Amino acid sequence: MKRRGDLTDSRLVSSAREFVFSSSDFERVRKLIYQHAGISLSPVKQDMVYSRLARRLRATGARSFSEYLDSLERDGGDEWERFVNSLTTNLTSFFREAHHFPILAEHLRKVSSKQSIRIWCSASSTGEEPYSIAMTVLETLGIPGKGGATVSIIASDLDTNVLEVAKKGVYPVDRVSKLSPDRLKRFFLKGTGSQDGLVAVRPEVRQLVEFKRINLLDSAYSIKGGLDVIFCRNVMIYFDKPTQYKILQKFHPLLNTDGLLFAGHSESFLHASDLFRSLGKTVYSLAGKGA
């Protein structure tokens, strides 16, 4: 039997917090976020979950995590979206994992004789990735549709908050500090007056991108097949292998036979070798197809 001074269970850990947050509450959150978003929360994320969901308790007036989760399961409504938004992580930057963009440019030149080129960025976050794709399109092909292929980029995310940021295309100037002066001049407008310290993505970049909410766990996606490229980078790490495989199964029929799938630097799809084969540098083609 533990002495009183030795007790370190979740009840006493929670006593210094605004809300009681027991181990069973945490396990319940893990189960719900897995069911609704496919995200496998690590057991070490308990503090992160508390800090993010405590805001939702305050906003809804819930007095405890159990009360909040009971209400969510009973009649969550729009709160399900806010619950998921609170627990998703959105780390991104312009031209992140820069080695992928020359490969994308080469592929764009390869398929440039087509009437239309279609790209899906399936984890767009606040927009830096799809706008980087659009800039690569403009650098490689010029203005799409002027004597060449038209290009459309569908950018999706589960989190509606980050999609609203992405649609605006306005960022603090430090978000573009690592871009070359040429890219800054060509693709961004510098804010003045009340907009000082901000930059806006130029209209010719924004018009290539259509933003929409898509949950990768959905049984079907609101995207037609015939895609030339799918970017799915740094999101699969939040899913377990069975969930990854189910998502890749849905990607497979959407990609053209000569299409490319881009993954994040720490992701590997070797467990889905019947669907996709590695071309190196975390780039994949359909299994049994050439590059």
C-alpha atoms as a PDB file:
ATOM      1  CA  MET A   1       0.000   0.000   0.000  1.00  0.00           C
ATOM      2  CA  LYS A   2       1.370   3.443  -0.928  1.00  0.00           C
ATOM      3  CA  ARG A   3       2.026   5.981   1.784  1.00  0.00           C
ATOM      4  CA  ARG A   4       0.242   9.292   1.392  1.00  0.00           C
ATOM      5  CA  GLY A   5       3.443  11.151   0.491  1.00  0.00           C
ATOM      6  CA  ASP A   6       4.306   8.628  -2.221  1.00  0.00           C
ATOM      7  CA  LEU A   7       1.085   8.968  -4.159  1.00  0.00           C
ATOM      8  CA  THR A   8       1.687  10.099  -7.758  1.00  0.00           C
ATOM      9  CA  ASP A   9      -1.455   8.793  -9.438  1.00  0.00           C
ATOM     10  CA  SER A  10      -3.432  10.800 -11.970  1.00  0.00           C
ATOM     11  CA  ARG A  11      -5.757  12.253  -9.302  1.00  0.00           C
ATOM     12  CA  LEU A  12      -2.947  14.100  -7.550  1.00  0.00           C
ATOM     13  CA  VAL A  13      -1.211  15.039 -10.802  1.00  0.00           C
ATOM     14  CA  SER A  14      -4.497  16.616 -11.869  1.00  0.00           C
ATOM     15  CA  SER A  15      -4.993  18.446  -8.546  1.00  0.00           C
ATOM     16  CA  ALA A  16      -2.667  21.279  -9.583  1.00  0.00           C
ATOM     17  CA  ARG A  17      -4.635  21.765 -12.774  1.00  0.00           C
ATOM     18  CA  GLU A  18      -7.820  23.671 -13.432  1.00  0.00           C
ATOM     19  CA  PHE A  19      -9.676  20.482 -14.403  1.00  0.00           C
ATOM     20  CA  VAL A  20      -9.427  16.898 -13.221  1.00  0.00           C
ATOM     21  CA  PHE A  21      -7.839  14.826 -15.996  1.00  0.00           C
ATOM     22  CA  SER A  22      -7.478  11.172 -15.131  1.00  0.00           C
ATOM     23  CA  SER A  23      -5.733   8.411 -17.031  1.00  0.00           C
ATOM     24  CA  SER A  24      -9.136   7.049 -18.022  1.00  0.00           C
ATOM     25  CA  ASP A  25     -10.072  10.476 -19.457  1.00  0.00           C
ATOM     26  CA  PHE A  26      -6.895  10.433 -21.529  1.00  0.00           C
ATOM     27  CA  GLU A  27      -7.545   6.915 -22.804  1.00  0.00           C
ATOM     28  CA  ARG A  28     -11.058   7.984 -23.736  1.00  0.00           C
ATOM     29  CA  VAL A  29      -9.692  10.933 -25.724  1.00  0.00           C
ATOM     30  CA  ARG A  30      -7.229   8.605 -27.481  1.00  0.00           C
ATOM     31  CA  LYS A  31     -10.062   6.281 -28.458  1.00  0.00           C
ATOM     32  CA  LEU A  32     -12.302   9.091 -29.744  1.00  0.00           C
ATOM     33  CA  ILE A  33      -9.631  10.853 -31.822  1.00  0.00           C
ATOM     34  CA  TYR A  34      -8.660   7.498 -33.340  1.00  0.00           C
ATOM     35  CA  GLN A  35     -12.274   6.728 -34.241  1.00  0.00           C
ATOM     36  CA  HIS A  36     -12.968  10.146 -35.757  1.00  0.00           C
ATOM     37  CA  ALA A  37      -9.637  11.115 -37.332  1.00  0.00           C
ATOM     38  CA  GLY A  38      -7.517   7.965 -37.381  1.00  0.00           C
ATOM     39  CA  ILE A  39      -4.894   9.677 -35.219  1.00  0.00           C
ATOM     40  CA  SER A  40      -2.952   7.390 -32.885  1.00  0.00           C
ATOM     41  CA  LEU A  41      -2.001   9.553 -29.915  1.00  0.00           C
ATOM     42  CA  SER A  42       1.165   8.495 -28.146  1.00  0.00           C
ATOM     43  CA  PRO A  43       0.807   7.674 -24.443  1.00  0.00           C
ATOM     44  CA  VAL A  44       3.300  10.472 -23.728  1.00  0.00           C
ATOM     45  CA  LYS A  45       0.958  13.140 -25.130  1.00  0.00           C
ATOM     46  CA  GLN A  46      -1.153  13.457 -21.994  1.00  0.00           C
ATOM     47  CA  ASP A  47       0.023  16.986 -21.123  1.00  0.00           C
ATOM     48  CA  MET A  48      -0.489  18.165 -24.692  1.00  0.00           C
ATOM     49  CA  VAL A  49      -4.026  16.764 -24.754  1.00  0.00           C
ATOM     50  CA  TYR A  50      -4.849  18.444 -21.449  1.00  0.00           C
ATOM     51  CA  SER A  51      -3.609  21.888 -22.509  1.00  0.00           C
ATOM     52  CA  ARG A  52      -5.415  21.802 -25.847  1.00  0.00           C
ATOM     53  CA  LEU A  53      -8.733  20.389 -24.677  1.00  0.00           C
ATOM     54  CA  ALA A  54      -8.861  22.499 -21.515  1.00  0.00           C
ATOM     55  CA  ARG A  55      -9.658  25.413 -23.846  1.00  0.00           C
ATOM     56  CA  ARG A  56     -12.675  23.518 -25.142  1.00  0.00           C
ATOM     57  CA  LEU A  57     -13.868  22.838 -21.593  1.00  0.00           C
ATOM     58  CA  ARG A  58     -13.728  26.562 -20.833  1.00  0.00           C
ATOM     59  CA  ALA A  59     -15.491  27.421 -24.094  1.00  0.00           C
ATOM     60  CA  THR A  60     -18.306  24.913 -23.531  1.00  0.00           C
ATOM     61  CA  GLY A  61     -18.641  25.472 -19.797  1.00  0.00           C
ATOM     62  CA  ALA A  62     -17.850  21.847 -18.953  1.00  0.00           C
ATOM     63  CA  ARG A  63     -16.672  21.358 -15.372  1.00  0.00           C
ATOM     64  CA  SER A  64     -14.577  18.263 -16.030  1.00  0.00           C
ATOM     65  CA  PHE A  65     -13.158  16.209 -18.867  1.00  0.00           C
ATOM     66  CA  SER A  66     -15.634  13.429 -18.208  1.00  0.00           C
ATOM     67  CA  GLU A  67     -18.523  15.898 -18.487  1.00  0.00           C
ATOM     68  CA  TYR A  68     -17.084  17.335 -21.720  1.00  0.00           C
ATOM     69  CA  LEU A  69     -16.524  13.907 -23.267  1.00  0.00           C
ATOM     70  CA  ASP A  70     -19.980  12.703 -22.184  1.00  0.00           C
ATOM     71  CA  SER A  71     -21.528  15.704 -23.937  1.00  0.00           C
ATOM     72  CA  LEU A  72     -19.359  15.170 -27.003  1.00  0.00           C
ATOM     73  CA  GLU A  73     -20.424  11.555 -27.372  1.00  0.00           C
ATOM     74  CA  ARG A  74     -24.061  12.263 -26.583  1.00  0.00           C
ATOM     75  CA  ASP A  75     -24.605  15.162 -28.977  1.00  0.00           C
ATOM     76  CA  GLY A  76     -21.293  16.556 -30.222  1.00  0.00           C
ATOM     77  CA  GLY A  77     -22.562  18.322 -33.335  1.00  0.00           C
ATOM     78  CA  ASP A  78     -20.090  21.029 -34.389  1.00  0.00           C
ATOM     79  CA  GLU A  79     -18.014  20.342 -31.294  1.00  0.00           C
ATOM     80  CA  TRP A  80     -16.614  17.212 -32.949  1.00  0.00           C
ATOM     81  CA  GLU A  81     -14.899  19.454 -35.493  1.00  0.00           C
ATOM     82  CA  ARG A  82     -13.475  21.668 -32.738  1.00  0.00           C
ATOM     83  CA  PHE A  83     -12.355  18.587 -30.793  1.00  0.00           C
ATOM     84  CA  VAL A  84     -10.436  17.257 -33.791  1.00  0.00           C
ATOM     85  CA  ASN A  85      -9.038  20.691 -34.660  1.00  0.00           C
ATOM     86  CA  SER A  86      -7.696  21.029 -31.126  1.00  0.00           C
ATOM     87  CA  LEU A  87      -5.729  17.790 -31.324  1.00  0.00           C
ATOM     88  CA  THR A  88      -4.264  18.052 -34.818  1.00  0.00           C
ATOM     89  CA  THR A  89      -0.714  19.311 -35.216  1.00  0.00           C
ATOM     90  CA  ASN A  90       0.090  21.628 -38.126  1.00  0.00           C
ATOM     91  CA  LEU A  91       3.802  22.069 -38.708  1.00  0.00           C
ATOM     92  CA  THR A  92       4.703  23.338 -42.155  1.00  0.00           C
ATOM     93  CA  SER A  93       6.815  25.814 -44.111  1.00  0.00           C
ATOM     94  CA  PHE A  94       7.349  26.978 -47.672  1.00  0.00           C
ATOM     95  CA  PHE A  95       9.347  24.444 -49.720  1.00  0.00           C
ATOM     96  CA  ARG A  96       9.664  22.118 -46.738  1.00  0.00           C
ATOM     97  CA  GLU A  97      11.689  19.018 -47.696  1.00  0.00           C
ATOM     98  CA  ALA A  98      13.081  20.963 -50.627  1.00  0.00           C
ATOM     99  CA  HIS A  99      14.460  17.893 -52.438  1.00  0.00           C
ATOM    100  CA  HIS A 100      10.918  17.004 -53.546  1.00  0.00           C
ATOM    101  CA  PHE A 101      10.317  20.108 -55.640  1.00  0.00           C
ATOM    102  CA  PRO A 102      12.921  19.469 -58.380  1.00  0.00           C
ATOM    103  CA  ILE A 103      11.392  15.980 -58.694  1.00  0.00           C
ATOM    104  CA  LEU A 104       7.953  17.574 -58.985  1.00  0.00           C
ATOM    105  CA  ALA A 105       9.275  20.009 -61.614  1.00  0.00           C
ATOM    106  CA  GLU A 106      10.759  17.149 -63.649  1.00  0.00           C
ATOM    107  CA  HIS A 107       7.462  15.279 -63.501  1.00  0.00           C
ATOM    108  CA  LEU A 108       5.540  18.396 -64.558  1.00  0.00           C
ATOM    109  CA  ARG A 109       7.743  18.713 -67.647  1.00  0.00           C
ATOM    110  CA  LYS A 110       7.165  15.023 -68.363  1.00  0.00           C
ATOM    111  CA  VAL A 111       3.367  15.364 -68.339  1.00  0.00           C
ATOM    112  CA  SER A 112       3.219  18.895 -69.789  1.00  0.00           C
ATOM    113  CA  SER A 113       1.828  17.655 -73.111  1.00  0.00           C
ATOM    114  CA  LYS A 114      -1.450  16.744 -71.390  1.00  0.00           C
ATOM    115  CA  GLN A 115      -4.439  19.027 -71.668  1.00  0.00           C
ATOM    116  CA  SER A 116      -4.737  19.214 -67.893  1.00  0.00           C
ATOM    117  CA  ILE A 117      -2.542  18.369 -64.913  1.00  0.00           C
ATOM    118  CA  ARG A 118      -4.168  17.622 -61.575  1.00  0.00           C
ATOM    119  CA  ILE A 119      -2.434  17.629 -58.191  1.00  0.00           C
ATOM    120  CA  TRP A 120      -3.801  16.816 -54.740  1.00  0.00           C
ATOM    121  CA  CYS A 121      -2.088  18.131 -51.621  1.00  0.00           C
ATOM    122  CA  SER A 122      -3.869  16.038 -49.005  1.00  0.00           C
ATOM    123  CA  ALA A 123      -2.508  17.652 -45.817  1.00  0.00           C
ATOM    124  CA  SER A 124      -2.309  21.321 -46.726  1.00  0.00           C
ATOM    125  CA  SER A 125      -2.239  22.787 -43.199  1.00  0.00           C
ATOM    126  CA  THR A 126      -1.977  26.599 -43.371  1.00  0.00           C
ATOM    127  CA  GLY A 127      -1.213  26.590 -47.090  1.00  0.00           C
ATOM    128  CA  GLU A 128       2.557  26.770 -47.368  1.00  0.00           C
ATOM    129  CA  GLU A 129       2.820  23.373 -49.073  1.00  0.00           C
ATOM    130  CA  PRO A 130       0.159  23.812 -51.787  1.00  0.00           C
ATOM    131  CA  TYR A 131       1.416  27.326 -52.519  1.00  0.00           C
ATOM    132  CA  SER A 132       4.955  25.920 -52.856  1.00  0.00           C
ATOM    133  CA  ILE A 133       3.542  23.405 -55.348  1.00  0.00           C
ATOM    134  CA  ALA A 134       1.832  26.240 -57.240  1.00  0.00           C
ATOM    135  CA  MET A 135       5.064  28.255 -57.352  1.00  0.00           C
ATOM    136  CA  THR A 136       6.873  25.215 -58.744  1.00  0.00           C
ATOM    137  CA  VAL A 137       4.181  24.925 -61.425  1.00  0.00           C
ATOM    138  CA  LEU A 138       4.671  28.574 -62.427  1.00  0.00           C
ATOM    139  CA  GLU A 139       8.462  28.285 -62.419  1.00  0.00           C
ATOM    140  CA  THR A 140       8.345  25.123 -64.526  1.00  0.00           C
ATOM    141  CA  LEU A 141       5.459  25.667 -66.932  1.00  0.00           C
ATOM    142  CA  GLY A 142       4.777  29.392 -66.810  1.00  0.00           C
ATOM    143  CA  ILE A 143       1.170  30.576 -66.624  1.00  0.00           C
ATOM    144  CA  PRO A 144      -0.905  27.371 -67.020  1.00  0.00           C
ATOM    145  CA  GLY A 145      -3.304  27.268 -69.939  1.00  0.00           C
ATOM    146  CA  LYS A 146      -1.397  29.749 -72.107  1.00  0.00           C
ATOM    147  CA  GLY A 147      -0.486  27.434 -74.943  1.00  0.00           C
ATOM    148  CA  GLY A 148       0.014  24.482 -72.604  1.00  0.00           C
ATOM    149  CA  ALA A 149      -1.687  22.319 -70.028  1.00  0.00           C
ATOM    150  CA  THR A 150      -4.079  23.733 -67.468  1.00  0.00           C
ATOM    151  CA  VAL A 151      -3.123  22.942 -63.871  1.00  0.00           C
ATOM    152  CA  SER A 152      -5.384  22.510 -60.876  1.00  0.00           C
ATOM    153  CA  ILE A 153      -4.220  21.933 -57.315  1.00  0.00           C
ATOM    154  CA  ILE A 154      -6.686  20.619 -54.742  1.00  0.00           C
ATOM    155  CA  ALA A 155      -5.472  21.346 -51.220  1.00  0.00           C
ATOM    156  CA  SER A 156      -7.275  19.653 -48.363  1.00  0.00           C
ATOM    157  CA  ASP A 157      -6.997  19.274 -44.632  1.00  0.00           C
ATOM    158  CA  LEU A 158      -9.042  17.931 -41.747  1.00  0.00           C
ATOM    159  CA  ASP A 159      -8.623  21.109 -39.691  1.00  0.00           C
ATOM    160  CA  THR A 160     -11.014  23.884 -40.757  1.00  0.00           C
ATOM    161  CA  ASN A 161      -9.076  26.512 -38.788  1.00  0.00           C
ATOM    162  CA  VAL A 162      -5.887  26.065 -40.782  1.00  0.00           C
ATOM    163  CA  LEU A 163      -7.862  25.967 -44.031  1.00  0.00           C
ATOM    164  CA  GLU A 164      -9.194  29.453 -43.314  1.00  0.00           C
ATOM    165  CA  VAL A 165      -5.626  30.709 -42.878  1.00  0.00           C
ATOM    166  CA  ALA A 166      -4.579  28.948 -46.082  1.00  0.00           C
ATOM    167  CA  LYS A 167      -7.375  30.458 -48.145  1.00  0.00           C
ATOM    168  CA  LYS A 168      -6.320  33.985 -47.160  1.00  0.00           C
ATOM    169  CA  GLY A 169      -2.703  33.372 -48.175  1.00  0.00           C
ATOM    170  CA  VAL A 170      -1.378  36.035 -45.788  1.00  0.00           C
ATOM    171  CA  TYR A 171       1.639  35.275 -43.593  1.00  0.00           C
ATOM    172  CA  PRO A 172       4.031  36.991 -41.172  1.00  0.00           C
ATOM    173  CA  VAL A 173       7.164  38.044 -43.020  1.00  0.00           C
ATOM    174  CA  ASP A 174       9.319  35.645 -41.001  1.00  0.00           C
ATOM    175  CA  ARG A 175       7.467  32.730 -42.640  1.00  0.00           C
ATOM    176  CA  VAL A 176       9.146  33.596 -45.963  1.00  0.00           C
ATOM    177  CA  SER A 177      12.551  34.608 -44.597  1.00  0.00           C
ATOM    178  CA  LYS A 178      14.265  31.540 -46.077  1.00  0.00           C
ATOM    179  CA  LEU A 179      12.937  32.069 -49.604  1.00  0.00           C
ATOM    180  CA  SER A 180      15.186  33.540 -52.276  1.00  0.00           C
ATOM    181  CA  PRO A 181      14.775  37.248 -53.162  1.00  0.00           C
ATOM    182  CA  ASP A 182      13.618  36.181 -56.643  1.00  0.00           C
ATOM    183  CA  ARG A 183      10.806  34.038 -55.258  1.00  0.00           C
ATOM    184  CA  LEU A 184       9.784  36.715 -52.789  1.00  0.00           C
ATOM    185  CA  LYS A 185       9.539  39.317 -55.536  1.00  0.00           C
ATOM    186  CA  ARG A 186       7.772  37.055 -57.996  1.00  0.00           C
ATOM    187  CA  PHE A 187       5.243  35.328 -55.749  1.00  0.00           C
ATOM    188  CA  PHE A 188       4.481  37.655 -52.815  1.00  0.00           C
ATOM    189  CA  LEU A 189       3.153  41.127 -52.135  1.00  0.00           C
ATOM    190  CA  LYS A 190       4.662  43.019 -49.204  1.00  0.00           C
ATOM    191  CA  GLY A 191       2.217  44.567 -46.774  1.00  0.00           C
ATOM    192  CA  THR A 192       2.326  48.271 -45.920  1.00  0.00           C
ATOM    193  CA  GLY A 193       0.653  50.444 -43.316  1.00  0.00           C
ATOM    194  CA  SER A 194      -1.600  48.326 -41.125  1.00  0.00           C
ATOM    195  CA  GLN A 195      -0.345  45.252 -43.046  1.00  0.00           C
ATOM    196  CA  ASP A 196       3.316  45.988 -42.351  1.00  0.00           C
ATOM    197  CA  GLY A 197       5.167  42.830 -41.335  1.00  0.00           C
ATOM    198  CA  LEU A 198       2.913  40.633 -43.488  1.00  0.00           C
ATOM    199  CA  VAL A 199       3.175  39.215 -46.984  1.00  0.00           C
ATOM    200  CA  ALA A 200       0.385  37.987 -49.259  1.00  0.00           C
ATOM    201  CA  VAL A 201       0.598  35.266 -51.876  1.00  0.00           C
ATOM    202  CA  ARG A 202       0.064  36.844 -55.297  1.00  0.00           C
ATOM    203  CA  PRO A 203      -3.264  36.157 -57.074  1.00  0.00           C
ATOM    204  CA  GLU A 204      -1.636  34.172 -59.897  1.00  0.00           C
ATOM    205  CA  VAL A 205      -0.397  31.677 -57.294  1.00  0.00           C
ATOM    206  CA  ARG A 206      -3.620  31.545 -55.286  1.00  0.00           C
ATOM    207  CA  GLN A 207      -5.828  31.003 -58.318  1.00  0.00           C
ATOM    208  CA  LEU A 208      -4.158  27.641 -58.979  1.00  0.00           C
ATOM    209  CA  VAL A 209      -5.254  26.257 -55.602  1.00  0.00           C
ATOM    210  CA  GLU A 210      -8.694  25.167 -54.411  1.00  0.00           C
ATOM    211  CA  PHE A 211      -9.026  24.477 -50.687  1.00  0.00           C
ATOM    212  CA  LYS A 212     -11.504  22.013 -49.207  1.00  0.00           C
ATOM    213  CA  ARG A 213     -11.969  19.958 -46.055  1.00  0.00           C
ATOM    214  CA  ILE A 214     -11.337  16.250 -46.488  1.00  0.00           C
ATOM    215  CA  ASN A 215     -10.943  13.660 -43.753  1.00  0.00           C
ATOM    216  CA  LEU A 216      -8.546  10.960 -44.970  1.00  0.00           C
ATOM    217  CA  LEU A 217     -10.613   8.445 -43.001  1.00  0.00           C
ATOM    218  CA  ASP A 218     -13.722   9.144 -45.085  1.00  0.00           C
ATOM    219  CA  SER A 219     -14.976   6.072 -46.941  1.00  0.00           C
ATOM    220  CA  ALA A 220     -14.749   8.017 -50.206  1.00  0.00           C
ATOM    221  CA  TYR A 221     -13.117  11.298 -51.162  1.00  0.00           C
ATOM    222  CA  SER A 222     -14.730  14.183 -53.018  1.00  0.00           C
ATOM    223  CA  ILE A 223     -11.940  14.020 -55.591  1.00  0.00           C
ATOM    224  CA  LYS A 224     -12.109  12.410 -59.008  1.00  0.00           C
ATOM    225  CA  GLY A 225      -9.424  10.077 -60.288  1.00  0.00           C
ATOM    226  CA  GLY A 226      -6.880  10.967 -62.909  1.00  0.00           C
ATOM    227  CA  LEU A 227      -4.458  12.673 -60.541  1.00  0.00           C
ATOM    228  CA  ASP A 228      -0.900  13.227 -61.733  1.00  0.00           C
ATOM    229  CA  VAL A 229       0.530  13.879 -58.272  1.00  0.00           C
ATOM    230  CA  ILE A 230      -0.517  13.284 -54.674  1.00  0.00           C
ATOM    231  CA  PHE A 231       1.331  14.975 -51.830  1.00  0.00           C
ATOM    232  CA  CYS A 232       0.689  13.231 -48.516  1.00  0.00           C
ATOM    233  CA  ARG A 233       3.600  14.354 -46.398  1.00  0.00           C
ATOM    234  CA  ASN A 234       4.047  14.263 -42.630  1.00  0.00           C
ATOM    235  CA  VAL A 235       0.511  13.157 -41.858  1.00  0.00           C
ATOM    236  CA  MET A 236       0.783   9.358 -42.084  1.00  0.00           C
ATOM    237  CA  ILE A 237       3.043   9.392 -39.019  1.00  0.00           C
ATOM    238  CA  TYR A 238      -0.075  10.081 -36.938  1.00  0.00           C
ATOM    239  CA  PHE A 239      -1.783   6.888 -38.168  1.00  0.00           C
ATOM    240  CA  ASP A 240      -1.033   3.277 -37.349  1.00  0.00           C
ATOM    241  CA  LYS A 241      -0.010   0.901 -40.154  1.00  0.00           C
ATOM    242  CA  PRO A 242      -3.483  -0.587 -40.777  1.00  0.00           C
ATOM    243  CA  THR A 243      -4.963   2.915 -41.091  1.00  0.00           C
ATOM    244  CA  GLN A 244      -2.126   3.985 -43.401  1.00  0.00           C
ATOM    245  CA  TYR A 245      -2.799   1.002 -45.615  1.00  0.00           C
ATOM    246  CA  LYS A 246      -6.523   1.780 -45.865  1.00  0.00           C
ATOM    247  CA  ILE A 247      -5.722   5.352 -46.918  1.00  0.00           C
ATOM    248  CA  LEU A 248      -3.190   4.180 -49.497  1.00  0.00           C
ATOM    249  CA  GLN A 249      -5.802   1.789 -50.876  1.00  0.00           C
ATOM    250  CA  LYS A 250      -8.026   4.806 -51.533  1.00  0.00           C
ATOM    251  CA  PHE A 251      -5.170   6.807 -53.070  1.00  0.00           C
ATOM    252  CA  HIS A 252      -4.267   4.018 -55.486  1.00  0.00           C
ATOM    253  CA  PRO A 253      -7.209   4.262 -57.940  1.00  0.00           C
ATOM    254  CA  LEU A 254      -7.051   8.074 -57.910  1.00  0.00           C
ATOM    255  CA  LEU A 255      -3.504   8.243 -59.277  1.00  0.00           C
ATOM    256  CA  ASN A 256      -2.693   8.015 -62.978  1.00  0.00           C
ATOM    257  CA  THR A 257      -0.505   5.093 -64.039  1.00  0.00           C
ATOM    258  CA  ASP A 258       2.459   7.456 -64.414  1.00  0.00           C
ATOM    259  CA  GLY A 259       1.571   9.495 -61.322  1.00  0.00           C
ATOM    260  CA  LEU A 260       3.734  10.168 -58.263  1.00  0.00           C
ATOM    261  CA  LEU A 261       2.998  10.001 -54.549  1.00  0.00           C
ATOM    262  CA  PHE A 262       5.177  12.147 -52.260  1.00  0.00           C
ATOM    263  CA  ALA A 263       5.588  11.130 -48.592  1.00  0.00           C
ATOM    264  CA  GLY A 264       7.266  12.796 -45.628  1.00  0.00           C
ATOM    265  CA  HIS A 265      10.928  12.237 -44.806  1.00  0.00           C
ATOM    266  CA  SER A 266      10.155   9.996 -41.810  1.00  0.00           C
ATOM    267  CA  GLU A 267       7.417   7.992 -43.539  1.00  0.00           C
ATOM    268  CA  SER A 268       7.715   4.688 -45.332  1.00  0.00           C
ATOM    269  CA  PHE A 269       5.067   2.800 -47.287  1.00  0.00           C
ATOM    270  CA  LEU A 270       6.976  -0.474 -47.603  1.00  0.00           C
ATOM    271  CA  HIS A 271       4.088  -2.223 -45.840  1.00  0.00           C
ATOM    272  CA  ALA A 272       1.976  -1.295 -48.889  1.00  0.00           C
ATOM    273  CA  SER A 273       4.401  -2.566 -51.529  1.00  0.00           C
ATOM    274  CA  ASP A 274       1.500  -4.229 -53.341  1.00  0.00           C
ATOM    275  CA  LEU A 275       0.081  -0.738 -53.930  1.00  0.00           C
ATOM    276  CA  PHE A 276       3.096   1.564 -54.282  1.00  0.00           C
ATOM    277  CA  ARG A 277       6.783   1.096 -55.017  1.00  0.00           C
ATOM    278  CA  SER A 278       9.552   3.358 -53.805  1.00  0.00           C
ATOM    279  CA  LEU A 279      11.489   5.463 -56.303  1.00  0.00           C
ATOM    280  CA  GLY A 280      13.776   6.771 -53.561  1.00  0.00           C
ATOM    281  CA  LYS A 281      13.724  10.072 -51.663  1.00  0.00           C
ATOM    282  CA  THR A 282      10.256   9.217 -50.241  1.00  0.00           C
ATOM    283  CA  VAL A 283       8.644   9.346 -53.685  1.00  0.00           C
ATOM    284  CA  TYR A 284       6.423   6.477 -54.862  1.00  0.00           C
ATOM    285  CA  SER A 285       4.789   5.255 -58.052  1.00  0.00           C
ATOM    286  CA  LEU A 286       2.032   2.701 -58.490  1.00  0.00           C
ATOM    287  CA  ALA A 287       3.301  -0.822 -57.892  1.00  0.00           C
ATOM    288  CA  GLY A 288       4.355  -2.507 -61.121  1.00  0.00           C
ATOM    289  CA  LYS A 289       4.507   0.816 -63.002  1.00  0.00           C
ATOM    290  CA  GLY A 290       7.443   2.826 -64.196  1.00  0.00           C
ATOM    291  CA  ALA A 291       8.432   6.226 -62.933  1.00  0.00           C
END
